[in-house]
Every structure is written in C-alpha cells, then in structure tokens.
Amino acid sequence: MLGFILYLVVIGLIAGFIARALVPGKDALSVPGTILLGIVGSFIGGFLGYVITHHNASDGAFQASGIIGSVIGAVLALLVYRAATGRRHVL
C-alpha cells in the first residue's frame, strides 16, 4: 500500500509539472497542489484510456502510455481548474 501511495505521489508530481509547463500562463499552485493535479490527471487519463482502449492496469501499472495519459489528464484538469477559478470581470 505504501508503494502505491509513493507511486501516486511521484507520477503526480511528474505529470503535474509537465502539465503546468505545457499550458501557458501563471498558476498559483504549490508543490502539493501540483502533485494533486497530477494525481487527478492520472485518474482522468486512466479513465479515458480505459474508455478508448478497454485495457486496464493488468498489463502493468508503469507504462509509457499511462504516463502520457496522466499528463493529458493533468492538462485537462488544469484547464478545468483555470475555468473554475478564473476571475470574472463585471462591467
């Protein structure tokens, strides 16, 4: 169980950092926020990967497609986060 948690934290940090580097603009996310972004992105990417390919983690948890899916999911999560917390200008 501890290994799985460490795996989530490391992949979350990597995926969150890459997502923040790919999406231009300034974010007020701390390191724990970046890790959480990557973990959420991993779940989103894993879900989308399962919906598209109907394969699950029985082939092994650490795969290049899983990391790419995590980054794509983290980018989507970051865009949703920005849309939800964006400033609204009132005229």
C-alpha atoms as a PDB file:
ATOM      1  CA  MET A   1       0.000   0.000   0.000  1.00  0.00           C
ATOM      2  CA  LEU A   2       2.827   2.405   0.841  1.00  0.00           C
ATOM      3  CA  GLY A   3       4.460   1.674  -2.520  1.00  0.00           C
ATOM      4  CA  PHE A   4       1.229   2.564  -4.322  1.00  0.00           C
ATOM      5  CA  ILE A   5       0.973   5.871  -2.455  1.00  0.00           C
ATOM      6  CA  LEU A   6       4.592   6.720  -3.291  1.00  0.00           C
ATOM      7  CA  TYR A   7       3.918   5.765  -6.915  1.00  0.00           C
ATOM      8  CA  LEU A   8       0.932   8.140  -6.989  1.00  0.00           C
ATOM      9  CA  VAL A   9       2.964  10.987  -5.486  1.00  0.00           C
ATOM     10  CA  VAL A  10       5.912  10.579  -7.881  1.00  0.00           C
ATOM     11  CA  ILE A  11       3.779  10.182 -11.011  1.00  0.00           C
ATOM     12  CA  GLY A  12       1.524  13.001  -9.793  1.00  0.00           C
ATOM     13  CA  LEU A  13       4.489  15.327  -9.363  1.00  0.00           C
ATOM     14  CA  ILE A  14       5.890  14.491 -12.802  1.00  0.00           C
ATOM     15  CA  ALA A  15       2.542  14.694 -14.618  1.00  0.00           C
ATOM     16  CA  GLY A  16       1.515  17.886 -12.795  1.00  0.00           C
ATOM     17  CA  PHE A  17       4.840  19.573 -13.504  1.00  0.00           C
ATOM     18  CA  ILE A  18       4.724  18.667 -17.201  1.00  0.00           C
ATOM     19  CA  ALA A  19       1.082  19.807 -17.463  1.00  0.00           C
ATOM     20  CA  ARG A  20       1.939  23.156 -15.879  1.00  0.00           C
ATOM     21  CA  ALA A  21       4.853  23.523 -18.313  1.00  0.00           C
ATOM     22  CA  LEU A  22       2.678  22.702 -21.343  1.00  0.00           C
ATOM     23  CA  VAL A  23      -0.215  25.045 -20.507  1.00  0.00           C
ATOM     24  CA  PRO A  24       0.936  28.660 -20.726  1.00  0.00           C
ATOM     25  CA  GLY A  25       0.027  31.113 -18.022  1.00  0.00           C
ATOM     26  CA  LYS A  26       0.595  31.626 -14.335  1.00  0.00           C
ATOM     27  CA  ASP A  27      -0.910  29.284 -11.756  1.00  0.00           C
ATOM     28  CA  ALA A  28      -0.947  29.785  -8.018  1.00  0.00           C
ATOM     29  CA  LEU A  29      -0.385  26.089  -7.300  1.00  0.00           C
ATOM     30  CA  SER A  30       2.091  24.946  -4.679  1.00  0.00           C
ATOM     31  CA  VAL A  31       4.073  21.705  -4.868  1.00  0.00           C
ATOM     32  CA  PRO A  32       1.299  19.742  -3.074  1.00  0.00           C
ATOM     33  CA  GLY A  33      -1.200  21.349  -5.460  1.00  0.00           C
ATOM     34  CA  THR A  34       0.909  20.242  -8.421  1.00  0.00           C
ATOM     35  CA  ILE A  35       1.069  16.699  -7.017  1.00  0.00           C
ATOM     36  CA  LEU A  36      -2.706  16.689  -6.528  1.00  0.00           C
ATOM     37  CA  LEU A  37      -3.159  17.989 -10.081  1.00  0.00           C
ATOM     38  CA  GLY A  38      -1.036  15.133 -11.395  1.00  0.00           C
ATOM     39  CA  ILE A  39      -2.866  12.516  -9.322  1.00  0.00           C
ATOM     40  CA  VAL A  40      -6.244  13.779 -10.541  1.00  0.00           C
ATOM     41  CA  GLY A  41      -4.809  13.811 -14.066  1.00  0.00           C
ATOM     42  CA  SER A  42      -3.701  10.198 -13.647  1.00  0.00           C
ATOM     43  CA  PHE A  43      -7.225   9.151 -12.757  1.00  0.00           C
ATOM     44  CA  ILE A  44      -8.694  11.159 -15.645  1.00  0.00           C
ATOM     45  CA  GLY A  45      -6.099   9.789 -18.078  1.00  0.00           C
ATOM     46  CA  GLY A  46      -6.622   6.239 -16.828  1.00  0.00           C
ATOM     47  CA  PHE A  47     -10.384   6.543 -17.196  1.00  0.00           C
ATOM     48  CA  LEU A  48     -10.111   7.989 -20.707  1.00  0.00           C
ATOM     49  CA  GLY A  49      -7.586   5.311 -21.665  1.00  0.00           C
ATOM     50  CA  TYR A  50      -9.936   2.589 -20.445  1.00  0.00           C
ATOM     51  CA  VAL A  51     -12.900   4.100 -22.295  1.00  0.00           C
ATOM     52  CA  ILE A  52     -10.944   4.362 -25.547  1.00  0.00           C
ATOM     53  CA  THR A  53      -8.942   1.105 -25.491  1.00  0.00           C
ATOM     54  CA  HIS A  54     -10.823  -1.081 -22.954  1.00  0.00           C
ATOM     55  CA  HIS A  55      -7.477  -2.122 -21.421  1.00  0.00           C
ATOM     56  CA  ASN A  56      -6.810  -1.836 -17.714  1.00  0.00           C
ATOM     57  CA  ALA A  57      -3.762  -1.963 -15.439  1.00  0.00           C
ATOM     58  CA  SER A  58      -3.492  -5.752 -15.594  1.00  0.00           C
ATOM     59  CA  ASP A  59      -0.749  -5.279 -18.215  1.00  0.00           C
ATOM     60  CA  GLY A  60       1.368  -3.455 -15.631  1.00  0.00           C
ATOM     61  CA  ALA A  61       0.976  -0.169 -13.855  1.00  0.00           C
ATOM     62  CA  PHE A  62       4.102   1.624 -15.099  1.00  0.00           C
ATOM     63  CA  GLN A  63       3.803   2.106 -18.857  1.00  0.00           C
ATOM     64  CA  ALA A  64       4.643   4.963 -21.181  1.00  0.00           C
ATOM     65  CA  SER A  65       1.027   5.188 -22.296  1.00  0.00           C
ATOM     66  CA  GLY A  66      -0.024   5.534 -18.671  1.00  0.00           C
ATOM     67  CA  ILE A  67       2.355   8.422 -18.096  1.00  0.00           C
ATOM     68  CA  ILE A  68       1.249  10.123 -21.317  1.00  0.00           C
ATOM     69  CA  GLY A  69      -2.381   9.617 -20.289  1.00  0.00           C
ATOM     70  CA  SER A  70      -1.567  11.093 -16.877  1.00  0.00           C
ATOM     71  CA  VAL A  71      -0.093  14.195 -18.490  1.00  0.00           C
ATOM     72  CA  ILE A  72      -3.070  14.574 -20.834  1.00  0.00           C
ATOM     73  CA  GLY A  73      -5.452  14.140 -17.910  1.00  0.00           C
ATOM     74  CA  ALA A  74      -3.475  16.665 -15.847  1.00  0.00           C
ATOM     75  CA  VAL A  75      -3.646  19.197 -18.696  1.00  0.00           C
ATOM     76  CA  LEU A  76      -7.428  18.705 -18.847  1.00  0.00           C
ATOM     77  CA  ALA A  77      -7.695  19.020 -15.064  1.00  0.00           C
ATOM     78  CA  LEU A  78      -5.573  22.206 -15.137  1.00  0.00           C
ATOM     79  CA  LEU A  79      -7.787  23.741 -17.822  1.00  0.00           C
ATOM     80  CA  VAL A  80     -10.907  22.896 -15.795  1.00  0.00           C
ATOM     81  CA  TYR A  81      -9.252  24.336 -12.668  1.00  0.00           C
ATOM     82  CA  ARG A  82      -8.465  27.560 -14.507  1.00  0.00           C
ATOM     83  CA  ALA A  83     -12.001  27.804 -15.881  1.00  0.00           C
ATOM     84  CA  ALA A  84     -13.490  27.227 -12.424  1.00  0.00           C
ATOM     85  CA  THR A  85     -11.238  29.681 -10.568  1.00  0.00           C
ATOM     86  CA  GLY A  86     -10.883  32.323 -13.281  1.00  0.00           C
ATOM     87  CA  ARG A  87     -11.664  35.896 -12.430  1.00  0.00           C
ATOM     88  CA  ARG A  88     -14.963  37.210 -13.636  1.00  0.00           C
ATOM     89  CA  HIS A  89     -14.971  40.803 -14.888  1.00  0.00           C
ATOM     90  CA  VAL A  90     -18.161  42.719 -14.178  1.00  0.00           C
ATOM     91  CA  LEU A  91     -18.958  45.697 -16.373  1.00  0.00           C
END
